[in-house]
Amino acid sequence: MSHSVLVCDDAIFMRTMISDILAQAGFEIVGEAETGSQAVEKYRQLKPDLVTMPWGSRRWWSRPSRRAPRTSS
């Protein structure tokens, strides 16, 4: 069974590149998000095993995306 992934980035080329790399490695891409708010909404809808997010952008680390639910396995 592959892990499900939500790929988040404001640049479409980055989402595409990351999705392609992860899909080739056997991960299931269940969704993409362009903003932190979209990422939180899609996380709640899709409940992926993993989420990728850009590291250096302040827009992505706003209150809504920092408050996304955290789960443990």
C-alpha atoms as a PDB file:
ATOM      1  CA  MET A   1       0.000   0.000   0.000  1.00  0.00           C
ATOM      2  CA  SER A   2       1.413   3.405  -0.984  1.00  0.00           C
ATOM      3  CA  HIS A   3       1.296   6.507   1.165  1.00  0.00           C
ATOM      4  CA  SER A   4      -1.068   9.290   0.116  1.00  0.00           C
ATOM      5  CA  VAL A   5       0.420  12.758  -0.388  1.00  0.00           C
ATOM      6  CA  LEU A   6      -0.974  16.289  -0.614  1.00  0.00           C
ATOM      7  CA  VAL A   7       1.488  18.433  -2.612  1.00  0.00           C
ATOM      8  CA  CYS A   8       1.425  22.150  -1.776  1.00  0.00           C
ATOM      9  CA  ASP A   9       3.282  24.997  -3.451  1.00  0.00           C
ATOM     10  CA  ASP A  10       2.310  28.303  -5.043  1.00  0.00           C
ATOM     11  CA  ALA A  11       4.247  27.460  -8.231  1.00  0.00           C
ATOM     12  CA  ILE A  12       2.577  24.977 -10.580  1.00  0.00           C
ATOM     13  CA  PHE A  13       5.933  23.784 -11.938  1.00  0.00           C
ATOM     14  CA  MET A  14       7.062  22.856  -8.397  1.00  0.00           C
ATOM     15  CA  ARG A  15       3.813  21.002  -7.654  1.00  0.00           C
ATOM     16  CA  THR A  16       4.179  19.141 -10.944  1.00  0.00           C
ATOM     17  CA  MET A  17       7.840  18.298 -10.377  1.00  0.00           C
ATOM     18  CA  ILE A  18       7.294  17.128  -6.793  1.00  0.00           C
ATOM     19  CA  SER A  19       4.200  15.141  -7.784  1.00  0.00           C
ATOM     20  CA  ASP A  20       6.071  13.415 -10.630  1.00  0.00           C
ATOM     21  CA  ILE A  21       9.019  12.495  -8.418  1.00  0.00           C
ATOM     22  CA  LEU A  22       6.810  11.155  -5.631  1.00  0.00           C
ATOM     23  CA  ALA A  23       4.535   9.244  -8.036  1.00  0.00           C
ATOM     24  CA  GLN A  24       7.575   7.582  -9.637  1.00  0.00           C
ATOM     25  CA  ALA A  25       8.717   6.587  -6.138  1.00  0.00           C
ATOM     26  CA  GLY A  26       5.385   4.859  -5.519  1.00  0.00           C
ATOM     27  CA  PHE A  27       3.467   7.518  -3.583  1.00  0.00           C
ATOM     28  CA  GLU A  28      -0.181   8.265  -4.366  1.00  0.00           C
ATOM     29  CA  ILE A  29      -0.771  11.973  -5.042  1.00  0.00           C
ATOM     30  CA  VAL A  30      -4.278  12.659  -3.698  1.00  0.00           C
ATOM     31  CA  GLY A  31      -4.346  16.420  -4.197  1.00  0.00           C
ATOM     32  CA  GLU A  32      -2.565  19.715  -4.694  1.00  0.00           C
ATOM     33  CA  ALA A  33      -2.904  23.129  -3.047  1.00  0.00           C
ATOM     34  CA  GLU A  34      -1.705  26.548  -4.169  1.00  0.00           C
ATOM     35  CA  THR A  35      -2.089  28.436  -0.839  1.00  0.00           C
ATOM     36  CA  GLY A  36      -1.817  27.681   2.859  1.00  0.00           C
ATOM     37  CA  SER A  37      -5.574  28.046   3.274  1.00  0.00           C
ATOM     38  CA  GLN A  38      -6.209  25.600   0.436  1.00  0.00           C
ATOM     39  CA  ALA A  39      -3.712  23.214   1.997  1.00  0.00           C
ATOM     40  CA  VAL A  40      -5.567  23.215   5.327  1.00  0.00           C
ATOM     41  CA  GLU A  41      -8.937  22.739   3.592  1.00  0.00           C
ATOM     42  CA  LYS A  42      -7.673  19.909   1.387  1.00  0.00           C
ATOM     43  CA  TYR A  43      -5.886  18.274   4.313  1.00  0.00           C
ATOM     44  CA  ARG A  44      -9.163  18.120   6.209  1.00  0.00           C
ATOM     45  CA  GLN A  45     -11.011  16.737   3.166  1.00  0.00           C
ATOM     46  CA  LEU A  46      -8.427  14.231   1.935  1.00  0.00           C
ATOM     47  CA  LYS A  47      -6.647  13.161   5.152  1.00  0.00           C
ATOM     48  CA  PRO A  48      -3.348  12.356   3.385  1.00  0.00           C
ATOM     49  CA  ASP A  49      -0.525  10.444   5.058  1.00  0.00           C
ATOM     50  CA  LEU A  50       1.999  13.137   4.048  1.00  0.00           C
ATOM     51  CA  VAL A  51       1.920  16.837   3.129  1.00  0.00           C
ATOM     52  CA  THR A  52       4.647  18.756   1.281  1.00  0.00           C
ATOM     53  CA  MET A  53       4.828  22.527   1.814  1.00  0.00           C
ATOM     54  CA  PRO A  54       7.364  25.185   0.814  1.00  0.00           C
ATOM     55  CA  TRP A  55       9.761  26.034   3.597  1.00  0.00           C
ATOM     56  CA  GLY A  56      10.778  29.673   3.118  1.00  0.00           C
ATOM     57  CA  SER A  57       7.541  31.478   2.243  1.00  0.00           C
ATOM     58  CA  ARG A  58       5.845  33.487   5.004  1.00  0.00           C
ATOM     59  CA  ARG A  59       2.482  33.167   3.224  1.00  0.00           C
ATOM     60  CA  TRP A  60       2.561  29.427   3.825  1.00  0.00           C
ATOM     61  CA  TRP A  61       3.230  29.745   7.524  1.00  0.00           C
ATOM     62  CA  SER A  62       0.231  31.911   8.352  1.00  0.00           C
ATOM     63  CA  ARG A  63      -1.988  31.011  11.283  1.00  0.00           C
ATOM     64  CA  PRO A  64      -4.373  28.729   9.331  1.00  0.00           C
ATOM     65  CA  SER A  65      -1.608  26.529   7.944  1.00  0.00           C
ATOM     66  CA  ARG A  66       0.209  26.354  11.296  1.00  0.00           C
ATOM     67  CA  ARG A  67      -3.000  25.248  12.970  1.00  0.00           C
ATOM     68  CA  ALA A  68      -3.610  22.360  10.574  1.00  0.00           C
ATOM     69  CA  PRO A  69      -4.527  19.213  12.491  1.00  0.00           C
ATOM     70  CA  ARG A  70      -1.612  17.018  13.400  1.00  0.00           C
ATOM     71  CA  THR A  71      -1.852  13.281  13.684  1.00  0.00           C
ATOM     72  CA  SER A  72       0.492  10.631  14.889  1.00  0.00           C
ATOM     73  CA  SER A  73       0.770   7.053  13.734  1.00  0.00           C
END
